[in-house]
Amino acid sequence: IEEVARGLNNDKVIFVDVNHLYNTHRFCEPSYAPLTTSTFSHLTNNLARIKEPDFRNEDVWFFHWYTDEHDLLTAASPWEGIDAGTCDPAADDWSDAFHCQIAKAHADNSSLTIADESLPSIASGSNGISPELARVFHPKTGGQAAYAQAIFEAGIQPDFTPGWCTMHVIQYQKPDPSKDNYKFDVTIFDASDPPVNIGSLAGIDAPANQGREIKSRLPHPVVLKAGNVDADAVLFDYDNQHWGSNDQEHHSNFGAYDNGKREGDTGFTC
């Protein structure tokens, strides 16, 4: 993967190595201890006691085949009711193929068991794959935090210049105030000199007092909220900052309506 990423020669595609952060957090790994004479026996004893799936091991950062990180639901073994001789291990339905492969493995080795015979109720067949099954082998919260740490360690810079960002906003009057909503065009600029357009959205339909998200290269969306009448200020939110189109602390400068619209600029810390 690293070779492919580097071979693209694209600064938007970066390989981040998270492998070292997963040490002692994968399946079938003992609790970590420095390998010394005094700990060797403890370590080998841990290896002997490992039993997977270990549903309650919070040090494992991948999801097992169950419903909750802490609770288990009891169900029949996954090979029950499946004919290993006739099922299709390459079925188009991923869940059918998955269960068939388990059934064939059990048919080849009847001693194969599931720890505690505990598995969740899994949707299969034409109903598709349940979220509980689809997330197997995907990282839990600890694993996601490891990815974040790896990105910080790699020194990846944000895809915008932080500081004081600005927005240019066009607000269109309601054609029929009794039934229509305000519409907006919004362009967001970063703190570069000159400013760089890092996101825009046109034709935003904004019912009164309902937030509308404007996404950009920023890590959080800007939320815009229209008022009820033309005289109402437009409200904005970004990362715990809250202000309006009449807020001078945010350098808001909105003109009067002209030919069915008004334009203005505002800013915020980004």
Protein backbone atom coordinates (compact mmCIF):
# COMPACT_ATOMS: atom_id res chain seq x y z
CA ILE A 1 0.00 0.00 0.00
CA GLU A 2 2.83 2.36 0.88
CA GLU A 3 4.53 1.74 -2.46
CA VAL A 4 1.31 2.43 -4.35
CA ALA A 5 0.66 5.63 -2.38
CA ARG A 6 4.17 6.94 -2.94
CA GLY A 7 4.07 5.88 -6.59
CA LEU A 8 1.10 8.16 -7.22
CA ASN A 9 3.37 11.16 -6.56
CA ASN A 10 0.35 13.10 -5.33
CA ASP A 11 0.61 15.26 -2.22
CA LYS A 12 -3.10 14.60 -1.58
CA VAL A 13 -2.42 10.86 -1.10
CA ILE A 14 -0.24 10.13 1.93
CA PHE A 15 0.59 6.77 3.50
CA VAL A 16 0.38 6.80 7.30
CA ASP A 17 1.85 3.82 9.16
CA VAL A 18 -0.36 2.89 12.13
CA ASN A 19 0.96 -0.65 12.54
CA HIS A 20 3.27 0.05 15.50
CA LEU A 21 0.43 1.58 17.50
CA TYR A 22 -1.58 -1.63 17.21
CA ASN A 23 1.07 -3.75 18.95
CA THR A 24 -0.62 -5.75 21.75
CA HIS A 25 -4.06 -4.67 20.49
CA ARG A 26 -4.64 -7.27 17.76
CA PHE A 27 -6.35 -10.63 18.03
CA CYS A 28 -4.44 -13.44 19.75
CA GLU A 29 -1.85 -11.17 21.39
CA PRO A 30 -0.83 -11.44 25.06
CA SER A 31 -0.72 -8.49 27.39
CA TYR A 32 2.48 -6.62 26.70
CA ALA A 33 5.43 -6.95 29.08
CA PRO A 34 9.17 -6.39 28.39
CA LEU A 35 10.75 -9.74 27.62
CA THR A 36 13.13 -10.37 30.52
CA THR A 37 13.99 -13.50 32.49
CA SER A 38 11.51 -12.54 35.19
CA THR A 39 8.68 -11.96 32.75
CA PHE A 40 9.31 -14.77 30.26
CA SER A 41 7.24 -17.28 32.21
CA HIS A 42 4.41 -14.77 32.61
CA LEU A 43 4.45 -14.03 28.89
CA THR A 44 4.42 -17.67 27.79
CA ASN A 45 1.63 -18.41 30.26
CA ASN A 46 -0.39 -15.62 28.66
CA LEU A 47 0.17 -17.17 25.26
CA ALA A 48 -1.07 -20.50 26.53
CA ARG A 49 -4.23 -18.93 27.95
CA ILE A 50 -5.24 -16.93 24.86
CA LYS A 51 -8.64 -17.95 23.61
CA GLU A 52 -10.36 -16.25 20.71
CA PRO A 53 -12.83 -14.78 20.26
CA ASP A 54 -12.28 -12.97 23.56
CA PHE A 55 -15.28 -10.65 23.48
CA ARG A 56 -14.53 -8.89 26.74
CA ASN A 57 -10.89 -8.01 26.03
CA GLU A 58 -11.00 -4.23 25.74
CA ASP A 59 -7.33 -4.19 24.72
CA VAL A 60 -8.34 -5.68 21.36
CA TRP A 61 -9.02 -2.75 19.04
CA PHE A 62 -10.94 -4.69 16.38
CA PHE A 63 -14.61 -5.62 16.50
CA HIS A 64 -15.43 -9.29 17.07
CA TRP A 65 -18.48 -10.97 15.69
CA TYR A 66 -20.99 -9.70 18.24
CA THR A 67 -23.42 -6.86 18.80
CA ASP A 68 -21.93 -4.67 21.53
CA GLU A 69 -18.43 -4.04 22.83
CA HIS A 70 -19.45 -5.28 26.26
CA ASP A 71 -22.58 -7.46 25.85
CA LEU A 72 -23.21 -10.77 24.13
CA LEU A 73 -26.32 -12.24 22.58
CA THR A 74 -26.77 -15.98 22.36
CA ALA A 75 -27.51 -17.64 19.05
CA ALA A 76 -26.97 -20.95 17.32
CA SER A 77 -23.61 -21.80 15.80
CA PRO A 78 -23.32 -20.13 12.38
CA TRP A 79 -22.97 -23.41 10.46
CA GLU A 80 -26.27 -24.84 11.68
CA GLY A 81 -28.85 -25.24 8.91
CA ILE A 82 -26.30 -24.74 6.12
CA ASP A 83 -25.44 -27.63 3.78
CA ALA A 84 -21.66 -27.41 3.36
CA GLY A 85 -21.90 -29.69 0.31
CA THR A 86 -24.27 -27.51 -1.71
CA CYS A 87 -23.80 -23.95 -0.45
CA ASP A 88 -21.83 -21.47 -2.58
CA PRO A 89 -18.74 -20.00 -0.86
CA ALA A 90 -18.54 -17.42 -3.66
CA ALA A 91 -22.20 -16.36 -3.51
CA ASP A 92 -23.03 -12.84 -4.65
CA ASP A 93 -24.56 -12.15 -1.25
CA TRP A 94 -21.57 -11.59 1.02
CA SER A 95 -23.40 -12.88 4.09
CA ASP A 96 -24.38 -16.14 2.33
CA ALA A 97 -20.79 -16.63 1.18
CA PHE A 98 -19.46 -15.89 4.68
CA HIS A 99 -21.75 -18.41 6.38
CA CYS A 100 -21.03 -21.04 3.71
CA GLN A 101 -17.28 -20.70 4.23
CA ILE A 102 -17.76 -21.20 7.96
CA ALA A 103 -19.95 -24.26 7.32
CA LYS A 104 -17.33 -25.80 5.01
CA ALA A 105 -14.57 -25.12 7.55
CA HIS A 106 -16.63 -26.83 10.25
CA ALA A 107 -17.39 -29.75 7.96
CA ASP A 108 -13.65 -30.23 7.42
CA ASN A 109 -12.93 -29.94 11.13
CA SER A 110 -15.86 -30.86 13.38
CA SER A 111 -13.88 -29.83 16.46
CA LEU A 112 -14.21 -26.20 15.39
CA THR A 113 -16.24 -24.33 18.02
CA ILE A 114 -17.09 -20.79 19.01
CA ALA A 115 -16.01 -19.74 22.51
CA ASP A 116 -18.99 -20.08 24.88
CA GLU A 117 -21.16 -20.85 21.81
CA SER A 118 -22.09 -17.15 21.94
CA LEU A 119 -22.85 -15.24 18.77
CA PRO A 120 -25.30 -12.50 17.85
CA SER A 121 -28.33 -12.92 15.67
CA ILE A 122 -27.00 -12.10 12.22
CA ALA A 123 -29.11 -11.01 9.28
CA SER A 124 -28.29 -13.05 6.20
CA GLY A 125 -29.43 -13.92 2.72
CA SER A 126 -31.58 -11.51 0.76
CA ASN A 127 -31.88 -9.22 3.80
CA GLY A 128 -28.23 -8.27 3.37
CA ILE A 129 -25.48 -7.95 5.95
CA SER A 130 -26.22 -6.49 9.35
CA PRO A 131 -24.06 -3.66 10.71
CA GLU A 132 -22.87 -6.04 13.44
CA LEU A 133 -21.40 -8.38 10.82
CA ALA A 134 -20.17 -5.70 8.44
CA ARG A 135 -18.00 -4.06 11.09
CA VAL A 136 -16.07 -7.23 12.01
CA PHE A 137 -12.29 -6.57 11.82
CA HIS A 138 -12.90 -2.81 11.66
CA PRO A 139 -11.28 -0.73 14.42
CA LYS A 140 -13.03 0.18 17.65
CA THR A 141 -12.67 3.59 19.31
CA GLY A 142 -9.14 2.82 20.51
CA GLY A 143 -8.11 1.87 17.01
CA GLN A 144 -9.58 5.03 15.52
CA ALA A 145 -7.67 7.07 18.10
CA ALA A 146 -4.51 5.30 16.98
CA TYR A 147 -5.12 6.45 13.42
CA ALA A 148 -5.52 10.03 14.65
CA GLN A 149 -2.26 9.74 16.60
CA ALA A 150 -0.45 8.32 13.58
CA ILE A 151 -1.64 11.22 11.43
CA PHE A 152 -0.35 13.71 13.99
CA GLU A 153 2.95 11.85 14.22
CA ALA A 154 3.28 12.01 10.44
CA GLY A 155 3.02 15.81 10.64
CA ILE A 156 0.28 16.03 8.02
CA GLN A 157 -0.74 19.65 7.62
CA PRO A 158 -4.33 20.81 7.12
CA ASP A 159 -5.39 21.45 3.53
CA PHE A 160 -5.98 25.14 4.22
CA THR A 161 -4.18 28.06 5.87
CA PRO A 162 -5.56 28.47 9.41
CA GLY A 163 -6.07 31.80 11.11
CA TRP A 164 -8.86 34.23 10.19
CA CYS A 165 -11.16 32.75 7.56
CA THR A 166 -13.76 34.80 5.74
CA MET A 167 -17.05 34.16 3.96
CA HIS A 168 -18.85 35.96 1.17
CA VAL A 169 -22.61 35.50 1.48
CA ILE A 170 -25.41 36.32 -0.95
CA GLN A 171 -28.94 36.18 0.49
CA TYR A 172 -31.90 36.06 -1.89
CA GLN A 173 -35.26 37.43 -0.80
CA LYS A 174 -38.30 35.18 -0.70
CA PRO A 175 -40.30 35.37 -3.96
CA ASP A 176 -43.45 34.71 -1.93
CA PRO A 177 -42.87 35.35 1.81
CA SER A 178 -45.98 33.35 2.68
CA LYS A 179 -44.55 30.07 1.38
CA ASP A 180 -40.96 30.43 0.13
CA ASN A 181 -37.64 30.23 1.99
CA TYR A 182 -34.56 32.40 1.75
CA LYS A 183 -31.81 31.07 -0.48
CA PHE A 184 -28.08 31.65 -0.11
CA ASP A 185 -24.82 31.40 -2.02
CA VAL A 186 -21.80 31.04 0.30
CA THR A 187 -18.06 31.02 -0.47
CA ILE A 188 -15.48 30.33 2.26
CA PHE A 189 -11.90 31.60 2.09
CA ASP A 190 -8.92 30.59 4.22
CA ALA A 191 -6.33 32.87 5.86
CA SER A 192 -3.91 32.84 2.92
CA ASP A 193 -2.68 36.08 1.37
CA PRO A 194 -4.39 36.39 -1.03
CA PRO A 195 -7.29 34.32 0.38
CA VAL A 196 -7.92 30.91 -1.21
CA ASN A 197 -11.43 29.60 -1.94
CA ILE A 198 -11.69 26.44 0.19
CA GLY A 199 -15.37 25.71 -0.36
CA SER A 200 -18.59 27.09 -1.75
CA LEU A 201 -22.23 26.15 -1.97
CA ALA A 202 -24.91 27.82 -4.10
CA GLY A 203 -28.68 27.73 -3.92
CA ILE A 204 -28.88 26.81 -0.23
CA ASP A 205 -32.55 26.52 0.71
CA ALA A 206 -32.84 27.80 4.28
CA PRO A 207 -36.15 27.49 6.16
CA ALA A 208 -36.38 29.98 9.02
CA ASN A 209 -34.36 29.07 12.14
CA GLN A 210 -33.11 25.77 10.71
CA GLY A 211 -29.37 25.25 10.45
CA ARG A 212 -27.84 24.49 7.05
CA GLU A 213 -24.31 23.06 6.89
CA ILE A 214 -21.70 24.38 4.46
CA LYS A 215 -18.79 21.96 4.14
CA SER A 216 -15.33 22.94 2.93
CA ARG A 217 -11.71 21.98 3.54
CA LEU A 218 -12.16 23.09 7.14
CA PRO A 219 -12.40 20.30 9.73
CA HIS A 220 -15.91 21.41 10.73
CA PRO A 221 -18.87 22.68 8.70
CA VAL A 222 -20.05 26.25 8.91
CA VAL A 223 -23.72 26.32 9.95
CA LEU A 224 -25.96 29.05 8.53
CA LYS A 225 -29.38 29.90 9.95
CA ALA A 226 -31.84 32.32 8.29
CA GLY A 227 -34.39 34.41 10.15
CA ASN A 228 -38.08 34.95 9.42
CA VAL A 229 -38.06 38.37 7.77
CA ASP A 230 -35.67 40.53 5.76
CA ALA A 231 -34.65 42.58 8.79
CA ASP A 232 -33.46 39.51 10.74
CA ALA A 233 -29.75 38.85 10.99
CA VAL A 234 -28.32 35.71 9.41
CA LEU A 235 -26.75 33.55 12.15
CA PHE A 236 -23.55 31.54 11.80
CA ASP A 237 -21.80 28.82 13.82
CA TYR A 238 -18.34 27.35 13.48
CA ASP A 239 -16.53 25.22 16.06
CA ASN A 240 -18.15 26.81 19.16
CA GLN A 241 -18.16 30.29 17.62
CA HIS A 242 -21.58 31.90 17.25
CA TRP A 243 -22.27 35.22 15.53
CA GLY A 244 -24.56 37.07 13.17
CA SER A 245 -24.47 39.16 10.01
CA ASN A 246 -24.62 42.26 12.24
CA ASP A 247 -21.73 41.22 14.52
CA GLN A 248 -18.82 43.65 14.26
CA GLU A 249 -16.48 41.39 16.27
CA HIS A 250 -16.61 39.08 13.28
CA HIS A 251 -16.18 41.95 10.83
CA SER A 252 -19.65 41.35 9.45
CA ASN A 253 -20.56 43.79 6.71
CA PHE A 254 -23.88 43.19 4.95
CA GLY A 255 -25.46 45.71 2.60
CA ALA A 256 -29.10 46.49 1.94
CA TYR A 257 -31.27 44.45 -0.41
CA ASP A 258 -30.97 45.43 -4.04
CA ASN A 259 -32.80 43.72 -6.91
CA GLY A 260 -33.98 40.89 -4.67
CA LYS A 261 -30.71 40.11 -2.92
CA ARG A 262 -28.12 41.41 -0.50
CA GLU A 263 -24.44 40.57 -0.20
CA GLY A 264 -22.06 40.64 2.71
CA ASP A 265 -18.85 39.37 4.22
CA THR A 266 -18.00 38.00 7.63
CA GLY A 267 -15.11 36.21 9.31
CA PHE A 268 -14.19 33.69 12.01
CA THR A 269 -11.22 31.92 13.55
CA CYS A 270 -10.36 28.74 11.69
